[in-house]
Amino acid sequence: MELRDYQQKVADSLEKNGKVVALLPRRSGKTSLGLELCLRQCDREKSNVYFIMPFYWDCDWKFYLGNRLRSYKKKIYGRNKKRMAIITFSNESQLIICGSYNLSLISFNDPLLKGIVFDEYALHKSDVQYFNSLYTNNDDYWILWISTPKHINGCEHLYDLNRYAKGVPHLIETMKFTIDDTKHLDPEIINRLQGESDQDFVRSSFYCEFPGSDSYEQRNTSE
């Protein structure tokens, strides 16, 4: 899959830094990017890679991966078990897809563990933050937390993680893209949403702003 410019910037940062928190707008290809990075890792060397969704939805990953898997000239097979899927490549790499309630599946002592994607992290089980903080110093595998901020209650852990990461840039890189950066939607759509939709929704969904942040308050005051 050919990555868009902003997606490529995330991929390059992950390759360089190993741990990345990436904030991207809605419908900007977060899930497809995360899965693509998992596939590339599995193709590059024998690896165990995890793609963690908020909840395990079988149809989601099949929708995103269907055509991509067919493009790999490798023998693969999948199996479902207890709300998870395992895709095995001919080089014995494994892509494990599961929901955030199954984090106990990850073996951090596994020498073949090479990467973890936390997709749409704002919607993950909230106590994942503690789970993550134990393992950010390990350089044997990469971690990508990718998400759009949410303005609903119960999603504060993305804000907490992003704030923590900004304080330890030597451990975790933080990246933020707005609709002005990605330009993946027609500006007329955004203009219409700004006139018709809840402004908290627009700010968080397309400008990746957290309620209470300086940029959020500045934009709110100017209106």
N, C-alpha and C. Protein backbone atom coordinates (compact mmCIF):
# COMPACT_ATOMS: atom_id res chain seq x y z
N MET A 1 0.84 -1.19 0.00
CA MET A 1 0.00 0.00 0.00
C MET A 1 0.87 1.24 0.00
N GLU A 2 0.59 2.16 -0.89
CA GLU A 2 1.34 3.41 -0.93
C GLU A 2 0.77 4.35 0.13
N LEU A 3 1.65 4.80 1.00
CA LEU A 3 1.22 5.66 2.09
C LEU A 3 1.09 7.11 1.64
N ARG A 4 0.13 7.81 2.23
CA ARG A 4 0.03 9.25 2.02
C ARG A 4 1.19 9.93 2.74
N ASP A 5 1.44 11.19 2.38
CA ASP A 5 2.60 11.89 2.93
C ASP A 5 2.60 11.89 4.46
N TYR A 6 1.47 12.18 5.07
CA TYR A 6 1.43 12.26 6.53
C TYR A 6 1.54 10.87 7.16
N GLN A 7 1.00 9.87 6.47
CA GLN A 7 1.16 8.50 6.96
C GLN A 7 2.63 8.08 6.91
N GLN A 8 3.30 8.47 5.84
CA GLN A 8 4.71 8.14 5.70
C GLN A 8 5.54 8.79 6.79
N LYS A 9 5.17 10.00 7.20
CA LYS A 9 5.89 10.67 8.28
C LYS A 9 5.77 9.88 9.58
N VAL A 10 4.60 9.31 9.83
CA VAL A 10 4.42 8.46 11.02
C VAL A 10 5.29 7.21 10.90
N ALA A 11 5.27 6.58 9.73
CA ALA A 11 6.08 5.38 9.52
C ALA A 11 7.57 5.67 9.69
N ASP A 12 8.03 6.80 9.16
CA ASP A 12 9.44 7.16 9.28
C ASP A 12 9.81 7.42 10.74
N SER A 13 8.94 8.11 11.46
CA SER A 13 9.21 8.40 12.86
C SER A 13 9.27 7.12 13.69
N LEU A 14 8.36 6.19 13.39
CA LEU A 14 8.37 4.92 14.11
C LEU A 14 9.64 4.15 13.85
N GLU A 15 10.09 4.17 12.60
CA GLU A 15 11.33 3.48 12.23
C GLU A 15 12.53 4.09 12.97
N LYS A 16 12.51 5.39 13.14
CA LYS A 16 13.63 6.09 13.77
C LYS A 16 13.58 6.03 15.29
N ASN A 17 12.39 6.21 15.85
CA ASN A 17 12.27 6.39 17.31
C ASN A 17 11.78 5.16 18.06
N GLY A 18 11.01 4.31 17.41
CA GLY A 18 10.59 3.06 18.04
C GLY A 18 9.30 3.14 18.84
N LYS A 19 9.00 4.29 19.42
CA LYS A 19 7.76 4.49 20.19
C LYS A 19 7.15 5.81 19.75
N VAL A 20 5.90 5.78 19.26
CA VAL A 20 5.28 6.98 18.72
C VAL A 20 3.82 7.07 19.16
N VAL A 21 3.42 8.26 19.61
CA VAL A 21 2.01 8.59 19.81
C VAL A 21 1.61 9.51 18.66
N ALA A 22 0.70 9.06 17.82
CA ALA A 22 0.30 9.82 16.64
C ALA A 22 -1.17 10.19 16.72
N LEU A 23 -1.47 11.49 16.69
CA LEU A 23 -2.83 11.98 16.67
C LEU A 23 -3.19 12.39 15.25
N LEU A 24 -4.23 11.77 14.71
CA LEU A 24 -4.67 12.06 13.36
C LEU A 24 -6.18 12.27 13.33
N PRO A 25 -6.68 13.05 12.36
CA PRO A 25 -8.12 13.30 12.28
C PRO A 25 -8.91 12.05 11.91
N ARG A 26 -10.20 12.16 12.07
CA ARG A 26 -11.10 11.10 11.62
C ARG A 26 -10.96 10.87 10.12
N ARG A 27 -11.12 9.60 9.74
CA ARG A 27 -11.14 9.20 8.35
C ARG A 27 -9.85 9.52 7.60
N SER A 28 -8.75 9.55 8.33
CA SER A 28 -7.45 9.85 7.70
C SER A 28 -6.63 8.60 7.43
N GLY A 29 -7.21 7.43 7.68
CA GLY A 29 -6.49 6.18 7.38
C GLY A 29 -5.64 5.67 8.51
N LYS A 30 -6.09 5.86 9.74
CA LYS A 30 -5.31 5.40 10.89
C LYS A 30 -5.22 3.87 10.93
N THR A 31 -6.36 3.22 10.80
CA THR A 31 -6.38 1.76 10.88
C THR A 31 -5.60 1.12 9.74
N SER A 32 -5.79 1.64 8.54
CA SER A 32 -5.07 1.07 7.39
C SER A 32 -3.57 1.28 7.54
N LEU A 33 -3.15 2.42 8.10
CA LEU A 33 -1.73 2.66 8.34
C LEU A 33 -1.18 1.67 9.35
N GLY A 34 -1.88 1.52 10.47
CA GLY A 34 -1.41 0.60 11.49
C GLY A 34 -1.27 -0.83 10.99
N LEU A 35 -2.26 -1.29 10.24
CA LEU A 35 -2.20 -2.65 9.70
C LEU A 35 -1.10 -2.78 8.66
N GLU A 36 -0.91 -1.76 7.86
CA GLU A 36 0.16 -1.80 6.86
C GLU A 36 1.53 -1.93 7.52
N LEU A 37 1.75 -1.20 8.60
CA LEU A 37 3.03 -1.29 9.31
C LEU A 37 3.22 -2.67 9.92
N CYS A 38 2.13 -3.27 10.39
CA CYS A 38 2.21 -4.64 10.91
C CYS A 38 2.59 -5.62 9.79
N LEU A 39 1.96 -5.47 8.64
CA LEU A 39 2.25 -6.35 7.51
C LEU A 39 3.70 -6.22 7.06
N ARG A 40 4.18 -5.01 7.01
CA ARG A 40 5.56 -4.79 6.58
C ARG A 40 6.55 -5.43 7.54
N GLN A 41 6.25 -5.33 8.84
CA GLN A 41 7.12 -5.96 9.82
C GLN A 41 7.12 -7.48 9.66
N CYS A 42 5.94 -8.06 9.47
CA CYS A 42 5.84 -9.51 9.29
C CYS A 42 6.56 -9.96 8.03
N ASP A 43 6.54 -9.14 7.00
CA ASP A 43 7.18 -9.48 5.74
C ASP A 43 8.70 -9.34 5.81
N ARG A 44 9.15 -8.40 6.65
CA ARG A 44 10.58 -8.09 6.71
C ARG A 44 11.40 -9.18 7.39
N GLU A 45 10.87 -9.73 8.46
CA GLU A 45 11.59 -10.77 9.20
C GLU A 45 10.60 -11.56 10.04
N LYS A 46 11.02 -12.70 10.49
CA LYS A 46 10.16 -13.52 11.34
C LYS A 46 9.82 -12.74 12.61
N SER A 47 8.55 -12.46 12.79
CA SER A 47 8.13 -11.58 13.88
C SER A 47 6.78 -12.00 14.42
N ASN A 48 6.53 -11.62 15.66
CA ASN A 48 5.19 -11.63 16.23
C ASN A 48 4.78 -10.17 16.43
N VAL A 49 3.68 -9.79 15.81
CA VAL A 49 3.22 -8.41 15.84
C VAL A 49 1.77 -8.39 16.28
N TYR A 50 1.42 -7.43 17.12
CA TYR A 50 0.05 -7.32 17.65
C TYR A 50 -0.62 -6.06 17.14
N PHE A 51 -1.84 -6.22 16.69
CA PHE A 51 -2.70 -5.09 16.32
C PHE A 51 -3.87 -5.10 17.28
N ILE A 52 -3.89 -4.10 18.19
CA ILE A 52 -4.87 -4.08 19.27
C ILE A 52 -5.94 -3.04 18.96
N MET A 53 -7.17 -3.47 18.81
CA MET A 53 -8.30 -2.59 18.58
C MET A 53 -9.03 -2.34 19.89
N PRO A 54 -9.86 -1.30 19.96
CA PRO A 54 -10.64 -1.09 21.19
C PRO A 54 -11.45 -2.33 21.53
N PHE A 55 -12.13 -2.86 20.55
CA PHE A 55 -12.89 -4.10 20.69
C PHE A 55 -12.60 -4.95 19.47
N TYR A 56 -12.66 -6.24 19.64
CA TYR A 56 -12.38 -7.11 18.51
C TYR A 56 -13.62 -7.22 17.62
N TRP A 57 -13.50 -6.69 16.42
CA TRP A 57 -14.58 -6.80 15.43
C TRP A 57 -14.01 -7.50 14.21
N ASP A 58 -14.44 -8.70 13.99
CA ASP A 58 -13.89 -9.53 12.93
C ASP A 58 -13.99 -8.85 11.57
N CYS A 59 -15.11 -8.18 11.30
CA CYS A 59 -15.32 -7.60 9.98
C CYS A 59 -14.35 -6.46 9.70
N ASP A 60 -13.91 -5.71 10.76
CA ASP A 60 -13.05 -4.56 10.54
C ASP A 60 -11.72 -4.93 9.92
N TRP A 61 -11.02 -5.85 10.56
CA TRP A 61 -9.69 -6.16 10.04
C TRP A 61 -9.77 -6.89 8.71
N LYS A 62 -10.81 -7.68 8.49
CA LYS A 62 -10.96 -8.35 7.20
C LYS A 62 -11.21 -7.33 6.10
N PHE A 63 -11.96 -6.28 6.41
CA PHE A 63 -12.23 -5.24 5.43
C PHE A 63 -10.94 -4.54 5.02
N TYR A 64 -10.12 -4.18 6.00
CA TYR A 64 -8.90 -3.46 5.70
C TYR A 64 -7.81 -4.35 5.11
N LEU A 65 -7.77 -5.60 5.53
CA LEU A 65 -6.67 -6.47 5.12
C LEU A 65 -6.95 -7.34 3.91
N GLY A 66 -8.20 -7.46 3.51
CA GLY A 66 -8.54 -8.39 2.44
C GLY A 66 -7.66 -8.29 1.22
N ASN A 67 -7.65 -7.13 0.59
CA ASN A 67 -6.86 -6.94 -0.62
C ASN A 67 -5.37 -6.97 -0.34
N ARG A 68 -4.96 -6.43 0.80
CA ARG A 68 -3.52 -6.39 1.11
C ARG A 68 -2.96 -7.80 1.28
N LEU A 69 -3.69 -8.67 1.92
CA LEU A 69 -3.18 -10.03 2.11
C LEU A 69 -3.05 -10.77 0.79
N ARG A 70 -3.97 -10.51 -0.12
CA ARG A 70 -3.88 -11.16 -1.43
C ARG A 70 -2.68 -10.67 -2.23
N SER A 71 -2.20 -9.47 -1.92
CA SER A 71 -1.07 -8.93 -2.65
C SER A 71 0.26 -9.52 -2.18
N TYR A 72 0.26 -10.18 -1.04
CA TYR A 72 1.47 -10.83 -0.55
C TYR A 72 1.57 -12.22 -1.17
N LYS A 73 2.66 -12.49 -1.84
CA LYS A 73 2.83 -13.79 -2.48
C LYS A 73 3.39 -14.78 -1.46
N LYS A 74 2.64 -14.97 -0.42
CA LYS A 74 3.04 -15.85 0.67
C LYS A 74 1.85 -16.67 1.09
N LYS A 75 2.12 -17.83 1.59
CA LYS A 75 1.04 -18.66 2.11
C LYS A 75 0.68 -18.13 3.49
N ILE A 76 -0.58 -17.81 3.65
CA ILE A 76 -1.05 -17.32 4.93
C ILE A 76 -2.32 -18.06 5.33
N TYR A 77 -2.58 -18.09 6.56
CA TYR A 77 -3.86 -18.62 7.02
C TYR A 77 -4.25 -17.90 8.30
N GLY A 78 -5.52 -17.88 8.56
CA GLY A 78 -6.01 -17.19 9.75
C GLY A 78 -6.85 -18.13 10.59
N ARG A 79 -6.95 -17.83 11.85
CA ARG A 79 -7.83 -18.59 12.72
C ARG A 79 -8.37 -17.67 13.79
N ASN A 80 -9.60 -17.89 14.13
CA ASN A 80 -10.26 -17.09 15.16
C ASN A 80 -10.36 -17.89 16.44
N LYS A 81 -10.10 -17.26 17.54
CA LYS A 81 -10.17 -17.94 18.83
C LYS A 81 -10.37 -16.90 19.92
N LYS A 82 -11.46 -17.03 20.62
CA LYS A 82 -11.73 -16.16 21.76
C LYS A 82 -11.56 -14.68 21.41
N ARG A 83 -12.29 -14.25 20.41
CA ARG A 83 -12.28 -12.86 19.99
C ARG A 83 -10.89 -12.39 19.57
N MET A 84 -10.20 -13.18 18.81
CA MET A 84 -8.91 -12.80 18.27
C MET A 84 -8.70 -13.52 16.95
N ALA A 85 -7.77 -13.05 16.17
CA ALA A 85 -7.40 -13.71 14.92
C ALA A 85 -5.88 -13.78 14.84
N ILE A 86 -5.37 -14.85 14.30
CA ILE A 86 -3.95 -15.01 14.09
C ILE A 86 -3.72 -15.28 12.61
N ILE A 87 -2.91 -14.43 12.00
CA ILE A 87 -2.57 -14.59 10.59
C ILE A 87 -1.10 -15.00 10.53
N THR A 88 -0.84 -16.16 9.97
CA THR A 88 0.52 -16.68 9.92
C THR A 88 1.05 -16.64 8.49
N PHE A 89 2.27 -16.13 8.34
CA PHE A 89 2.92 -16.02 7.04
C PHE A 89 3.85 -17.21 6.82
N SER A 90 4.26 -17.40 5.58
CA SER A 90 5.11 -18.55 5.25
C SER A 90 6.48 -18.45 5.91
N ASN A 91 6.90 -17.24 6.30
CA ASN A 91 8.17 -17.11 7.03
C ASN A 91 7.98 -17.30 8.53
N GLU A 92 6.78 -17.75 8.92
CA GLU A 92 6.40 -18.04 10.30
C GLU A 92 6.14 -16.79 11.14
N SER A 93 6.10 -15.64 10.50
CA SER A 93 5.64 -14.44 11.21
C SER A 93 4.18 -14.60 11.57
N GLN A 94 3.78 -13.95 12.66
CA GLN A 94 2.38 -13.99 13.07
C GLN A 94 1.88 -12.57 13.36
N LEU A 95 0.75 -12.25 12.79
CA LEU A 95 0.04 -11.01 13.10
C LEU A 95 -1.17 -11.40 13.95
N ILE A 96 -1.17 -10.94 15.19
CA ILE A 96 -2.24 -11.27 16.13
C ILE A 96 -3.13 -10.04 16.28
N ILE A 97 -4.41 -10.22 16.00
CA ILE A 97 -5.38 -9.13 16.05
C ILE A 97 -6.36 -9.41 17.18
N CYS A 98 -6.50 -8.48 18.11
CA CYS A 98 -7.41 -8.69 19.23
C CYS A 98 -7.88 -7.35 19.77
N GLY A 99 -8.78 -7.39 20.75
CA GLY A 99 -9.29 -6.19 21.38
C GLY A 99 -8.52 -5.83 22.63
N SER A 100 -8.74 -4.62 23.13
CA SER A 100 -7.97 -4.14 24.27
C SER A 100 -8.29 -4.87 25.57
N TYR A 101 -9.34 -5.68 25.57
CA TYR A 101 -9.65 -6.47 26.76
C TYR A 101 -8.86 -7.77 26.81
N ASN A 102 -8.06 -8.02 25.76
CA ASN A 102 -7.28 -9.25 25.71
C ASN A 102 -5.78 -8.98 25.76
N LEU A 103 -5.37 -7.92 26.46
CA LEU A 103 -3.95 -7.57 26.48
C LEU A 103 -3.08 -8.60 27.16
N SER A 104 -3.68 -9.46 27.96
CA SER A 104 -2.89 -10.51 28.62
C SER A 104 -2.32 -11.50 27.61
N LEU A 105 -2.81 -11.43 26.37
CA LEU A 105 -2.28 -12.32 25.33
C LEU A 105 -0.84 -11.97 24.96
N ILE A 106 -0.45 -10.72 25.18
CA ILE A 106 0.88 -10.28 24.76
C ILE A 106 1.94 -10.81 25.71
N SER A 107 2.92 -11.49 25.16
CA SER A 107 4.05 -11.97 25.95
C SER A 107 5.24 -11.04 25.70
N PHE A 108 5.53 -10.19 26.68
CA PHE A 108 6.60 -9.22 26.49
C PHE A 108 7.98 -9.85 26.61
N ASN A 109 8.04 -11.09 27.00
CA ASN A 109 9.31 -11.81 27.04
C ASN A 109 9.56 -12.60 25.77
N ASP A 110 8.64 -12.52 24.82
CA ASP A 110 8.77 -13.24 23.56
C ASP A 110 9.88 -12.62 22.72
N PRO A 111 10.95 -13.36 22.40
CA PRO A 111 12.05 -12.78 21.61
C PRO A 111 11.63 -12.41 20.19
N LEU A 112 10.50 -12.94 19.72
CA LEU A 112 10.03 -12.63 18.38
C LEU A 112 9.08 -11.43 18.36
N LEU A 113 8.74 -10.88 19.52
CA LEU A 113 7.88 -9.71 19.56
C LEU A 113 8.62 -8.51 18.96
N LYS A 114 8.04 -7.97 17.88
CA LYS A 114 8.72 -6.88 17.17
C LYS A 114 7.88 -5.61 17.06
N GLY A 115 6.57 -5.70 17.31
CA GLY A 115 5.78 -4.49 17.16
C GLY A 115 4.39 -4.62 17.73
N ILE A 116 3.83 -3.49 18.19
CA ILE A 116 2.47 -3.43 18.72
C ILE A 116 1.82 -2.14 18.22
N VAL A 117 0.63 -2.25 17.68
CA VAL A 117 -0.16 -1.08 17.31
C VAL A 117 -1.39 -1.03 18.21
N PHE A 118 -1.59 0.10 18.89
CA PHE A 118 -2.82 0.35 19.63
C PHE A 118 -3.67 1.27 18.77
N ASP A 119 -4.62 0.69 18.05
CA ASP A 119 -5.43 1.43 17.09
C ASP A 119 -6.59 2.13 17.79
N GLU A 120 -6.82 3.38 17.43
CA GLU A 120 -7.88 4.21 18.03
C GLU A 120 -7.80 4.11 19.56
N TYR A 121 -6.64 4.50 20.06
CA TYR A 121 -6.31 4.30 21.47
C TYR A 121 -7.27 5.00 22.43
N ALA A 122 -7.87 6.11 22.00
CA ALA A 122 -8.79 6.84 22.87
C ALA A 122 -9.96 5.98 23.32
N LEU A 123 -10.30 4.98 22.54
CA LEU A 123 -11.45 4.12 22.86
C LEU A 123 -11.06 2.83 23.55
N HIS A 124 -9.78 2.67 23.84
CA HIS A 124 -9.33 1.45 24.50
C HIS A 124 -9.77 1.43 25.96
N LYS A 125 -9.68 0.26 26.53
CA LYS A 125 -9.94 0.10 27.96
C LYS A 125 -9.04 1.07 28.72
N SER A 126 -9.60 1.86 29.62
CA SER A 126 -8.88 3.00 30.18
C SER A 126 -7.67 2.63 31.02
N ASP A 127 -7.65 1.46 31.63
CA ASP A 127 -6.50 1.12 32.47
C ASP A 127 -5.32 0.59 31.65
N VAL A 128 -5.42 0.69 30.32
CA VAL A 128 -4.31 0.29 29.46
C VAL A 128 -3.09 1.17 29.71
N GLN A 129 -3.32 2.41 30.17
CA GLN A 129 -2.20 3.32 30.38
C GLN A 129 -1.15 2.71 31.31
N TYR A 130 -1.60 2.11 32.41
CA TYR A 130 -0.66 1.50 33.34
C TYR A 130 0.06 0.34 32.67
N PHE A 131 -0.70 -0.42 31.91
CA PHE A 131 -0.14 -1.58 31.21
C PHE A 131 0.98 -1.14 30.27
N ASN A 132 0.75 -0.05 29.55
CA ASN A 132 1.73 0.44 28.59
C ASN A 132 2.98 0.99 29.26
N SER A 133 2.80 1.70 30.37
CA SER A 133 3.92 2.43 30.97
C SER A 133 5.03 1.50 31.44
N LEU A 134 4.73 0.24 31.64
CA LEU A 134 5.73 -0.71 32.12
C LEU A 134 6.74 -1.08 31.05
N TYR A 135 6.41 -0.83 29.78
CA TYR A 135 7.21 -1.43 28.72
C TYR A 135 7.74 -0.43 27.70
N THR A 136 7.68 0.85 27.99
CA THR A 136 8.11 1.83 27.00
C THR A 136 9.62 1.96 26.92
N ASN A 137 10.35 1.36 27.84
CA ASN A 137 11.81 1.46 27.80
C ASN A 137 12.45 0.33 27.00
N ASN A 138 11.68 -0.61 26.54
CA ASN A 138 12.23 -1.75 25.82
C ASN A 138 12.42 -1.40 24.35
N ASP A 139 13.65 -1.59 23.86
CA ASP A 139 13.96 -1.25 22.47
C ASP A 139 13.88 -2.45 21.53
N ASP A 140 13.46 -3.60 22.03
CA ASP A 140 13.41 -4.79 21.20
C ASP A 140 12.21 -4.78 20.26
N TYR A 141 11.22 -3.95 20.53
CA TYR A 141 10.03 -3.88 19.68
C TYR A 141 9.52 -2.45 19.66
N TRP A 142 8.79 -2.13 18.61
CA TRP A 142 8.22 -0.79 18.48
C TRP A 142 6.76 -0.78 18.95
N ILE A 143 6.30 0.40 19.33
CA ILE A 143 4.91 0.58 19.73
C ILE A 143 4.36 1.85 19.05
N LEU A 144 3.20 1.73 18.44
CA LEU A 144 2.50 2.87 17.87
C LEU A 144 1.14 3.00 18.53
N TRP A 145 0.94 4.12 19.20
CA TRP A 145 -0.39 4.48 19.70
C TRP A 145 -0.97 5.47 18.70
N ILE A 146 -2.02 5.12 18.03
CA ILE A 146 -2.57 5.99 16.99
C ILE A 146 -4.05 6.21 17.25
N SER A 147 -4.49 7.48 17.17
CA SER A 147 -5.86 7.74 17.56
C SER A 147 -6.28 9.16 17.18
N THR A 148 -7.57 9.36 17.19
CA THR A 148 -8.16 10.70 17.15
C THR A 148 -8.65 11.02 18.56
N PRO A 149 -8.34 12.21 19.09
CA PRO A 149 -8.88 12.56 20.42
C PRO A 149 -10.41 12.53 20.42
N LYS A 150 -10.96 12.19 21.57
CA LYS A 150 -12.41 12.16 21.73
C LYS A 150 -12.81 13.17 22.81
N HIS A 151 -13.97 13.77 22.63
CA HIS A 151 -14.42 14.74 23.62
C HIS A 151 -15.45 14.15 24.57
N ILE A 152 -15.55 12.82 24.59
CA ILE A 152 -16.50 12.15 25.47
C ILE A 152 -15.79 11.67 26.73
N ASN A 153 -16.54 11.48 27.80
CA ASN A 153 -15.95 11.01 29.05
C ASN A 153 -15.40 9.60 28.90
N GLY A 154 -14.34 9.30 29.65
CA GLY A 154 -13.78 7.97 29.63
C GLY A 154 -12.62 7.79 28.67
N CYS A 155 -12.25 8.84 27.95
CA CYS A 155 -11.16 8.75 26.97
C CYS A 155 -9.96 9.60 27.36
N GLU A 156 -9.87 9.93 28.66
CA GLU A 156 -8.81 10.82 29.11
C GLU A 156 -7.43 10.18 29.05
N HIS A 157 -7.37 8.85 28.96
CA HIS A 157 -6.06 8.19 28.99
C HIS A 157 -5.21 8.53 27.77
N LEU A 158 -5.84 8.87 26.62
CA LEU A 158 -5.06 9.31 25.47
C LEU A 158 -4.40 10.65 25.77
N TYR A 159 -5.13 11.54 26.39
CA TYR A 159 -4.56 12.83 26.80
C TYR A 159 -3.41 12.61 27.78
N ASP A 160 -3.62 11.73 28.75
CA ASP A 160 -2.58 11.45 29.74
C ASP A 160 -1.33 10.87 29.09
N LEU A 161 -1.53 9.94 28.16
CA LEU A 161 -0.38 9.33 27.48
C LEU A 161 0.36 10.37 26.65
N ASN A 162 -0.38 11.20 25.92
CA ASN A 162 0.24 12.21 25.08
C ASN A 162 1.04 13.21 25.92
N ARG A 163 0.47 13.59 27.06
CA ARG A 163 1.17 14.51 27.95
C ARG A 163 2.42 13.86 28.53
N TYR A 164 2.31 12.60 28.92
CA TYR A 164 3.47 11.88 29.45
C TYR A 164 4.57 11.79 28.40
N ALA A 165 4.17 11.44 27.16
CA ALA A 165 5.15 11.27 26.09
C ALA A 165 5.89 12.57 25.79
N LYS A 166 5.19 13.69 25.87
CA LYS A 166 5.85 14.98 25.63
C LYS A 166 6.92 15.27 26.67
N GLY A 167 6.78 14.68 27.85
CA GLY A 167 7.76 14.88 28.90
C GLY A 167 8.97 13.96 28.80
N VAL A 168 8.87 12.94 27.95
CA VAL A 168 9.99 12.00 27.78
C VAL A 168 10.24 11.80 26.28
N PRO A 169 10.60 12.86 25.57
CA PRO A 169 10.79 12.74 24.12
C PRO A 169 11.91 11.79 23.73
N HIS A 170 12.81 11.51 24.66
CA HIS A 170 13.88 10.54 24.38
C HIS A 170 13.34 9.11 24.37
N LEU A 171 12.13 8.91 24.90
CA LEU A 171 11.51 7.59 24.92
C LEU A 171 10.39 7.45 23.89
N ILE A 172 9.57 8.49 23.78
CA ILE A 172 8.38 8.40 22.93
C ILE A 172 8.25 9.69 22.11
N GLU A 173 8.11 9.53 20.81
CA GLU A 173 7.87 10.68 19.92
C GLU A 173 6.37 10.97 19.87
N THR A 174 6.00 12.25 19.89
CA THR A 174 4.60 12.64 19.73
C THR A 174 4.43 13.36 18.41
N MET A 175 3.32 13.05 17.73
CA MET A 175 3.03 13.66 16.43
C MET A 175 1.55 14.05 16.40
N LYS A 176 1.28 15.19 15.80
CA LYS A 176 -0.10 15.65 15.69
C LYS A 176 -0.34 16.21 14.30
N PHE A 177 -1.41 15.75 13.67
CA PHE A 177 -1.80 16.23 12.35
C PHE A 177 -3.25 16.71 12.43
N THR A 178 -3.54 17.83 11.81
CA THR A 178 -4.90 18.32 11.73
C THR A 178 -5.40 18.17 10.30
N ILE A 179 -6.66 18.48 10.09
CA ILE A 179 -7.23 18.42 8.75
C ILE A 179 -6.49 19.37 7.80
N ASP A 180 -5.90 20.44 8.35
CA ASP A 180 -5.12 21.36 7.53
C ASP A 180 -3.82 20.72 7.05
N ASP A 181 -3.33 19.74 7.81
CA ASP A 181 -2.12 19.03 7.42
C ASP A 181 -2.41 17.89 6.43
N THR A 182 -3.45 17.14 6.73
CA THR A 182 -3.73 15.95 5.93
C THR A 182 -4.49 16.27 4.65
N LYS A 183 -5.42 17.22 4.72
CA LYS A 183 -6.22 17.61 3.55
C LYS A 183 -6.88 16.40 2.87
N HIS A 184 -7.29 15.44 3.69
CA HIS A 184 -7.87 14.22 3.13
C HIS A 184 -9.38 14.34 2.89
N LEU A 185 -9.97 15.45 3.35
CA LEU A 185 -11.39 15.69 3.11
C LEU A 185 -11.57 17.04 2.44
N ASP A 186 -12.63 17.15 1.66
CA ASP A 186 -12.97 18.41 1.00
C ASP A 186 -13.21 19.49 2.05
N PRO A 187 -12.58 20.66 1.92
CA PRO A 187 -12.79 21.73 2.91
C PRO A 187 -14.26 22.10 3.09
N GLU A 188 -15.06 21.91 2.05
CA GLU A 188 -16.48 22.22 2.17
C GLU A 188 -17.16 21.33 3.20
N ILE A 189 -16.69 20.10 3.32
CA ILE A 189 -17.26 19.19 4.32
C ILE A 189 -16.99 19.72 5.72
N ILE A 190 -15.75 20.16 5.95
CA ILE A 190 -15.39 20.68 7.26
C ILE A 190 -16.14 21.97 7.55
N ASN A 191 -16.28 22.84 6.56
CA ASN A 191 -17.03 24.09 6.75
C ASN A 191 -18.48 23.80 7.12
N ARG A 192 -19.06 22.80 6.47
CA ARG A 192 -20.44 22.45 6.77
C ARG A 192 -20.56 21.89 8.18
N LEU A 193 -19.61 21.05 8.57
CA LEU A 193 -19.63 20.48 9.91
C LEU A 193 -19.48 21.57 10.97
N GLN A 194 -18.64 22.56 10.69
CA GLN A 194 -18.43 23.64 11.66
C GLN A 194 -19.70 24.45 11.85
N GLY A 195 -20.55 24.48 10.82
CA GLY A 195 -21.79 25.22 10.94
C GLY A 195 -22.94 24.42 11.49
N GLU A 196 -22.84 23.08 11.37
CA GLU A 196 -23.97 22.23 11.73
C GLU A 196 -23.73 21.35 12.95
N SER A 197 -22.48 21.03 13.24
CA SER A 197 -22.17 20.03 14.27
C SER A 197 -21.70 20.68 15.56
N ASP A 198 -21.69 19.87 16.60
CA ASP A 198 -21.14 20.29 17.88
C ASP A 198 -19.67 20.66 17.70
N GLN A 199 -19.27 21.83 18.17
CA GLN A 199 -17.92 22.31 17.94
C GLN A 199 -16.87 21.48 18.68
N ASP A 200 -17.23 20.91 19.81
CA ASP A 200 -16.30 20.01 20.50
C ASP A 200 -15.95 18.83 19.60
N PHE A 201 -16.96 18.32 18.93
CA PHE A 201 -16.75 17.20 18.01
C PHE A 201 -15.82 17.60 16.87
N VAL A 202 -16.04 18.76 16.28
CA VAL A 202 -15.21 19.20 15.16
C VAL A 202 -13.77 19.40 15.61
N ARG A 203 -13.57 20.05 16.75
CA ARG A 203 -12.22 20.34 17.22
C ARG A 203 -11.43 19.06 17.53
N SER A 204 -12.08 18.14 18.19
CA SER A 204 -11.38 16.91 18.54
C SER A 204 -11.21 16.00 17.32
N SER A 205 -12.23 15.93 16.48
CA SER A 205 -12.23 14.96 15.38
C SER A 205 -11.36 15.37 14.21
N PHE A 206 -11.24 16.67 13.96
CA PHE A 206 -10.53 17.11 12.77
C PHE A 206 -9.33 18.02 13.05
N TYR A 207 -9.25 18.55 14.28
CA TYR A 207 -8.09 19.36 14.65
C TYR A 207 -7.28 18.71 15.77
N CYS A 208 -7.70 17.54 16.19
CA CYS A 208 -6.97 16.73 17.18
C CYS A 208 -6.64 17.53 18.43
N GLU A 209 -7.62 18.28 18.90
CA GLU A 209 -7.45 19.08 20.11
C GLU A 209 -8.13 18.40 21.29
N PHE A 210 -7.49 18.50 22.44
CA PHE A 210 -8.06 17.99 23.68
C PHE A 210 -8.79 19.12 24.40
N PRO A 211 -9.98 18.87 24.91
CA PRO A 211 -10.65 19.89 25.74
C PRO A 211 -9.73 20.30 26.89
N GLY A 212 -9.58 21.61 27.07
CA GLY A 212 -8.71 22.11 28.13
C GLY A 212 -7.32 22.49 27.66
N SER A 213 -6.97 22.09 26.43
CA SER A 213 -5.65 22.45 25.91
C SER A 213 -5.65 23.90 25.45
N ASP A 214 -4.47 24.49 25.32
CA ASP A 214 -4.37 25.90 24.92
C ASP A 214 -4.97 26.13 23.54
N SER A 215 -4.66 25.25 22.60
CA SER A 215 -5.16 25.44 21.24
C SER A 215 -6.67 25.30 21.21
N TYR A 216 -7.20 24.40 22.03
CA TYR A 216 -8.65 24.20 22.09
C TYR A 216 -9.33 25.45 22.64
N GLU A 217 -8.81 25.98 23.73
CA GLU A 217 -9.41 27.15 24.35
C GLU A 217 -9.27 28.38 23.46
N GLN A 218 -8.14 28.51 22.77
CA GLN A 218 -7.93 29.65 21.89
C GLN A 218 -8.95 29.64 20.75
N ARG A 219 -9.15 28.46 20.16
CA ARG A 219 -10.11 28.35 19.07
C ARG A 219 -11.53 28.62 19.59
N ASN A 220 -11.83 28.14 20.81
CA ASN A 220 -13.15 28.31 21.38
C ASN A 220 -13.42 29.80 21.66
N THR A 221 -12.41 30.51 22.13
CA THR A 221 -12.57 31.93 22.47
C THR A 221 -12.76 32.79 21.23
N SER A 222 -12.12 32.39 20.13
CA SER A 222 -12.14 33.20 18.92
C SER A 222 -13.48 33.13 18.20
N GLU A 223 -14.37 32.20 18.59
CA GLU A 223 -15.63 32.04 17.88
C GLU A 223 -16.73 32.87 18.53
